[in-house]
Amino acid sequence: MGLKFKVACPEPTTPNPESRIIKIYIAVDSEGPTGVAEYPRHLTHDEAAVRRGRELMTADANAAVAGCFEAGATEVAVKDDGFLPENIIPELLDERARLLPGGGPLLCGLDSSYAGLMLIGFHAMEGAIDGVLAHTWSGGRRRRYWINDREAGELAVYAIVAGQDCNVPVIMTSGCAGLCRETHELLGPDVVAVAVKRVCEDGTIDLPAPEETAPLITAGARDALGRIDTVKPCGVSFPIEMRLQLSDKAITDGHIE
């Protein structure tokens, strides 16, 4: 007696995009946010000015957090990478975000489970004529850096650490127009860069109000999440050769010794 079988092939299923886990890591610096045109270290005597700088820094972070969640992020971590021991104001930060304290190794807490890195409130490298508060780590003793014969600022170091250590791409930056130019030169046109201030031809600084820049940052974050699958992590050729320019001969001699 023969047996007959009817085999039905199930219809292919399409993953539900809403079920995708999308973690975003946001590092926030203190010299590049909206409205900031003085170094925080020069304002430590002025409590009101310091508080205002922290509020502006937190507001830019919140604008980025909002855009991330609007675009489908499931988790957002915010790393306080500003000048002071505590820059982000915890009680003003979007409660949906997880605040990572300042200090620790660069990009502490970042790992390959994150889909993208955003650098909010960053600045152009030392020597950038179109940069507002342009510097690289320190505007005093250590001045300029080169990595494999290419001049590099803090943006490059963050991008290399994220890419090499964690395979995470920088998907967005915000800061001055000089930082945005630097972003596209280093990382390519697909990385979203939002300018929140700029140096004018006469040398003055154009500082749009937070009410103008917040929607731009939020829109930029939404756009950046839409590009995650097209932006690649930053790579670098090994071994790395680094060159450092110091401010004067005496300091240079001290490093050599």
Protein backbone atom coordinates (compact mmCIF):
# COMPACT_ATOMS: atom_id res chain seq x y z
CA MET A 1 0.00 0.00 0.00
CA GLY A 2 1.53 3.27 -1.10
CA LEU A 3 1.63 6.41 0.99
CA LYS A 4 1.21 9.89 -0.43
CA PHE A 5 2.70 12.93 1.21
CA LYS A 6 1.91 16.55 0.53
CA VAL A 7 4.71 18.83 1.62
CA ALA A 8 3.88 22.50 2.04
CA CYS A 9 6.68 25.03 2.06
CA PRO A 10 6.08 27.86 4.51
CA GLU A 11 6.03 31.37 3.16
CA PRO A 12 9.33 33.16 3.77
CA THR A 13 9.12 35.49 6.71
CA THR A 14 10.43 39.02 6.78
CA PRO A 15 12.02 40.14 10.05
CA ASN A 16 10.00 42.76 11.81
CA PRO A 17 12.11 45.94 11.74
CA GLU A 18 10.57 46.96 15.03
CA SER A 19 12.19 43.92 16.68
CA ARG A 20 15.72 44.95 15.68
CA ILE A 21 17.95 46.01 18.55
CA ILE A 22 19.63 49.32 17.76
CA LYS A 23 22.02 50.65 20.38
CA ILE A 24 23.60 54.07 19.94
CA TYR A 25 26.53 55.49 21.89
CA ILE A 26 26.71 59.29 22.15
CA ALA A 27 29.93 60.95 23.35
CA VAL A 28 29.51 64.62 24.27
CA ASP A 29 32.32 67.18 24.52
CA SER A 30 32.15 70.60 26.18
CA GLU A 31 33.75 72.97 23.62
CA GLY A 32 31.55 72.25 20.60
CA PRO A 33 27.93 72.53 21.77
CA THR A 34 25.48 75.19 20.68
CA GLY A 35 26.24 78.64 22.08
CA VAL A 36 29.68 77.81 23.48
CA ALA A 37 32.46 80.19 22.41
CA GLU A 38 34.76 80.16 25.46
CA TYR A 39 36.83 77.35 26.93
CA PRO A 40 35.17 75.92 30.07
CA ARG A 41 38.54 75.99 31.86
CA HIS A 42 38.51 79.79 31.55
CA LEU A 43 35.10 80.04 33.22
CA THR A 44 35.58 77.98 36.36
CA HIS A 45 35.42 81.18 38.45
CA ASP A 46 31.98 82.02 37.05
CA GLU A 47 29.41 79.57 38.39
CA ALA A 48 26.57 80.97 36.26
CA ALA A 49 28.61 80.65 33.06
CA VAL A 50 29.67 77.11 33.94
CA ARG A 51 26.06 76.15 34.63
CA ARG A 52 24.96 77.67 31.32
CA GLY A 53 27.62 75.71 29.44
CA ARG A 54 26.49 72.49 31.08
CA GLU A 55 22.87 73.26 30.19
CA LEU A 56 23.79 73.87 26.54
CA MET A 57 25.82 70.66 26.43
CA THR A 58 22.93 68.68 27.92
CA ALA A 59 20.44 70.26 25.52
CA ASP A 60 22.47 69.20 22.46
CA ALA A 61 22.72 65.68 23.89
CA ASN A 62 18.96 65.60 24.42
CA ALA A 63 18.33 66.72 20.84
CA ALA A 64 20.46 63.83 19.58
CA VAL A 65 18.80 61.35 21.94
CA ALA A 66 15.36 62.44 20.72
CA GLY A 67 16.32 61.87 17.09
CA CYS A 68 17.73 58.44 17.89
CA PHE A 69 14.54 57.23 19.51
CA GLU A 70 12.37 58.79 16.81
CA ALA A 71 14.33 56.77 14.24
CA GLY A 72 13.94 53.46 16.08
CA ALA A 73 16.84 53.22 18.52
CA THR A 74 16.15 50.79 21.34
CA GLU A 75 18.91 51.96 23.66
CA VAL A 76 21.00 55.15 23.87
CA ALA A 77 24.01 55.63 26.11
CA VAL A 78 25.40 59.14 26.67
CA LYS A 79 29.06 59.48 27.68
CA ASP A 80 30.11 62.68 29.43
CA ASP A 81 33.45 63.53 27.81
CA GLY A 82 33.59 67.21 28.72
CA PHE A 83 36.28 69.23 30.49
CA LEU A 84 34.83 69.22 34.00
CA PRO A 85 34.48 66.12 36.19
CA GLU A 86 30.70 66.39 35.65
CA ASN A 87 29.33 68.28 32.63
CA ILE A 88 26.04 66.69 31.61
CA ILE A 89 23.33 67.65 34.10
CA PRO A 90 21.76 64.29 35.04
CA GLU A 91 18.36 65.64 36.05
CA LEU A 92 18.02 67.48 32.72
CA LEU A 93 19.09 64.57 30.52
CA ASP A 94 16.38 62.73 28.59
CA GLU A 95 15.29 59.99 30.98
CA ARG A 96 15.29 57.43 28.16
CA ALA A 97 19.07 57.71 27.86
CA ARG A 98 21.59 55.96 30.10
CA LEU A 99 24.26 58.36 31.37
CA LEU A 100 27.83 57.09 31.49
CA PRO A 101 30.03 59.06 33.90
CA GLY A 102 33.09 60.96 32.75
CA GLY A 103 36.57 59.56 33.04
CA GLY A 104 37.91 56.12 32.26
CA PRO A 105 39.48 54.97 28.98
CA LEU A 106 38.40 56.64 25.74
CA LEU A 107 34.90 55.49 24.76
CA CYS A 108 34.60 53.49 27.96
CA GLY A 109 31.61 51.15 27.71
CA LEU A 110 31.51 51.04 23.91
CA ASP A 111 31.50 47.56 22.40
CA SER A 112 30.48 45.79 19.19
CA SER A 113 26.85 45.55 20.31
CA TYR A 114 26.41 49.24 19.43
CA ALA A 115 25.27 50.09 15.92
CA GLY A 116 26.79 53.55 15.78
CA LEU A 117 28.70 56.30 17.54
CA MET A 118 27.67 59.96 17.62
CA LEU A 119 30.10 62.70 18.60
CA ILE A 120 28.02 65.62 19.84
CA GLY A 121 29.48 68.99 20.79
CA PHE A 122 32.88 68.20 19.31
CA HIS A 123 35.34 70.68 17.79
CA ALA A 124 37.82 70.97 14.93
CA MET A 125 41.48 70.09 15.31
CA GLU A 126 44.21 72.52 16.37
CA GLY A 127 45.03 74.98 13.59
CA ALA A 128 41.65 74.83 11.81
CA ILE A 129 40.93 78.40 10.69
CA ASP A 130 37.22 77.61 10.36
CA GLY A 131 37.05 76.05 13.80
CA VAL A 132 35.48 77.51 16.94
CA LEU A 133 37.74 76.73 19.93
CA ALA A 134 39.80 74.51 17.64
CA HIS A 135 42.32 72.37 19.54
CA THR A 136 43.53 68.80 19.90
CA TRP A 137 43.32 67.54 23.47
CA SER A 138 45.31 70.48 24.82
CA GLY A 139 45.91 73.95 23.43
CA GLY A 140 48.91 74.43 25.71
CA ARG A 141 51.77 71.94 25.90
CA ARG A 142 50.67 69.50 23.19
CA ARG A 143 49.56 71.19 20.00
CA ARG A 144 49.22 69.04 16.86
CA TYR A 145 49.19 65.35 16.03
CA TRP A 146 49.79 63.28 12.89
CA ILE A 147 48.78 59.65 12.44
CA ASN A 148 50.55 57.87 9.58
CA ASP A 149 51.56 61.25 8.15
CA ARG A 150 48.00 62.61 8.18
CA GLU A 151 47.16 65.38 10.62
CA ALA A 152 44.53 64.22 13.06
CA GLY A 153 42.31 65.78 15.68
CA GLU A 154 40.19 64.28 18.42
CA LEU A 155 37.58 63.26 15.83
CA ALA A 156 40.11 60.95 14.15
CA VAL A 157 41.20 59.35 17.41
CA TYR A 158 37.62 58.65 18.50
CA ALA A 159 36.79 57.23 15.06
CA ILE A 160 39.87 54.99 15.01
CA VAL A 161 39.30 53.65 18.53
CA ALA A 162 35.63 52.94 17.79
CA GLY A 163 36.40 51.31 14.46
CA GLN A 164 39.47 49.29 15.38
CA ASP A 165 38.51 48.22 18.90
CA CYS A 166 34.76 47.77 18.52
CA ASN A 167 33.96 47.75 14.79
CA VAL A 168 31.55 50.64 15.38
CA PRO A 169 31.26 53.49 12.86
CA VAL A 170 30.90 57.17 13.59
CA ILE A 171 27.50 57.95 12.10
CA MET A 172 27.09 61.59 13.14
CA THR A 173 28.95 64.59 14.50
CA SER A 174 27.82 68.03 15.64
CA GLY A 175 29.85 71.12 16.39
CA CYS A 176 31.28 74.04 14.45
CA ALA A 177 31.42 74.24 10.65
CA GLY A 178 35.12 73.35 10.81
CA LEU A 179 34.32 70.12 12.62
CA CYS A 180 31.75 69.27 9.94
CA ARG A 181 34.29 69.83 7.17
CA GLU A 182 36.79 67.68 9.05
CA THR A 183 34.17 64.94 9.44
CA HIS A 184 33.51 64.68 5.73
CA GLU A 185 37.19 64.87 4.80
CA LEU A 186 38.09 62.06 7.19
CA LEU A 187 35.00 59.84 7.22
CA GLY A 188 33.27 60.60 3.95
CA PRO A 189 30.03 62.29 2.85
CA ASP A 190 27.68 59.64 4.26
CA VAL A 191 28.43 60.61 7.86
CA VAL A 192 25.93 63.21 9.04
CA ALA A 193 27.55 66.43 10.28
CA VAL A 194 25.47 69.19 11.86
CA ALA A 195 26.93 72.68 12.21
CA VAL A 196 25.67 74.59 15.25
CA LYS A 197 28.08 77.56 14.94
CA ARG A 198 30.62 78.98 12.55
CA VAL A 199 33.43 81.48 12.18
CA CYS A 200 32.40 84.41 9.96
CA GLU A 201 34.65 86.08 7.38
CA ASP A 202 35.34 88.98 9.73
CA GLY A 203 36.47 86.60 12.48
CA THR A 204 33.34 86.90 14.61
CA ILE A 205 31.47 83.77 15.67
CA ASP A 206 27.90 83.11 14.59
CA LEU A 207 26.09 81.38 17.47
CA PRO A 208 22.52 80.40 16.59
CA ALA A 209 20.15 79.96 19.51
CA PRO A 210 19.42 76.49 20.92
CA GLU A 211 15.88 76.80 19.57
CA GLU A 212 17.39 76.85 16.08
CA THR A 213 20.01 74.15 16.49
CA ALA A 214 18.07 71.54 18.47
CA PRO A 215 15.76 70.63 15.54
CA LEU A 216 18.82 70.37 13.28
CA ILE A 217 20.55 67.97 15.66
CA THR A 218 17.39 65.89 16.09
CA ALA A 219 16.86 65.69 12.33
CA GLY A 220 20.53 64.82 11.87
CA ALA A 221 20.27 61.96 14.35
CA ARG A 222 17.21 60.57 12.58
CA ASP A 223 19.04 60.77 9.26
CA ALA A 224 22.15 59.14 10.74
CA LEU A 225 20.23 56.09 11.94
CA GLY A 226 18.85 55.69 8.46
CA ARG A 227 22.42 55.46 7.14
CA ILE A 228 23.81 52.98 9.66
CA ASP A 229 24.00 50.16 7.14
CA THR A 230 25.97 52.26 4.65
CA VAL A 231 28.55 53.87 6.95
CA LYS A 232 31.68 51.82 7.61
CA PRO A 233 33.91 51.80 10.70
CA CYS A 234 37.09 53.83 10.45
CA GLY A 235 40.20 51.79 9.80
CA VAL A 236 43.89 52.55 10.04
CA SER A 237 47.00 50.85 8.72
CA PHE A 238 49.28 49.19 11.25
CA PRO A 239 51.85 49.76 12.57
CA ILE A 240 50.73 53.28 13.46
CA GLU A 241 53.29 56.05 13.30
CA MET A 242 52.43 59.08 15.40
CA ARG A 243 54.06 62.48 15.31
CA LEU A 244 53.48 65.16 17.93
CA GLN A 245 54.16 68.89 17.74
CA LEU A 246 54.77 70.56 21.11
CA SER A 247 54.46 74.23 21.92
CA ASP A 248 58.16 75.04 22.39
CA LYS A 249 61.66 73.53 22.62
CA ALA A 250 61.75 73.39 26.40
CA ILE A 251 58.62 71.25 26.53
CA THR A 252 59.92 69.11 23.68
CA ASP A 253 63.20 68.50 25.51
CA GLY A 254 61.25 67.52 28.60
CA HIS A 255 59.32 64.89 26.66
CA ILE A 256 62.52 63.49 25.18
CA GLU A 257 64.10 63.18 28.59
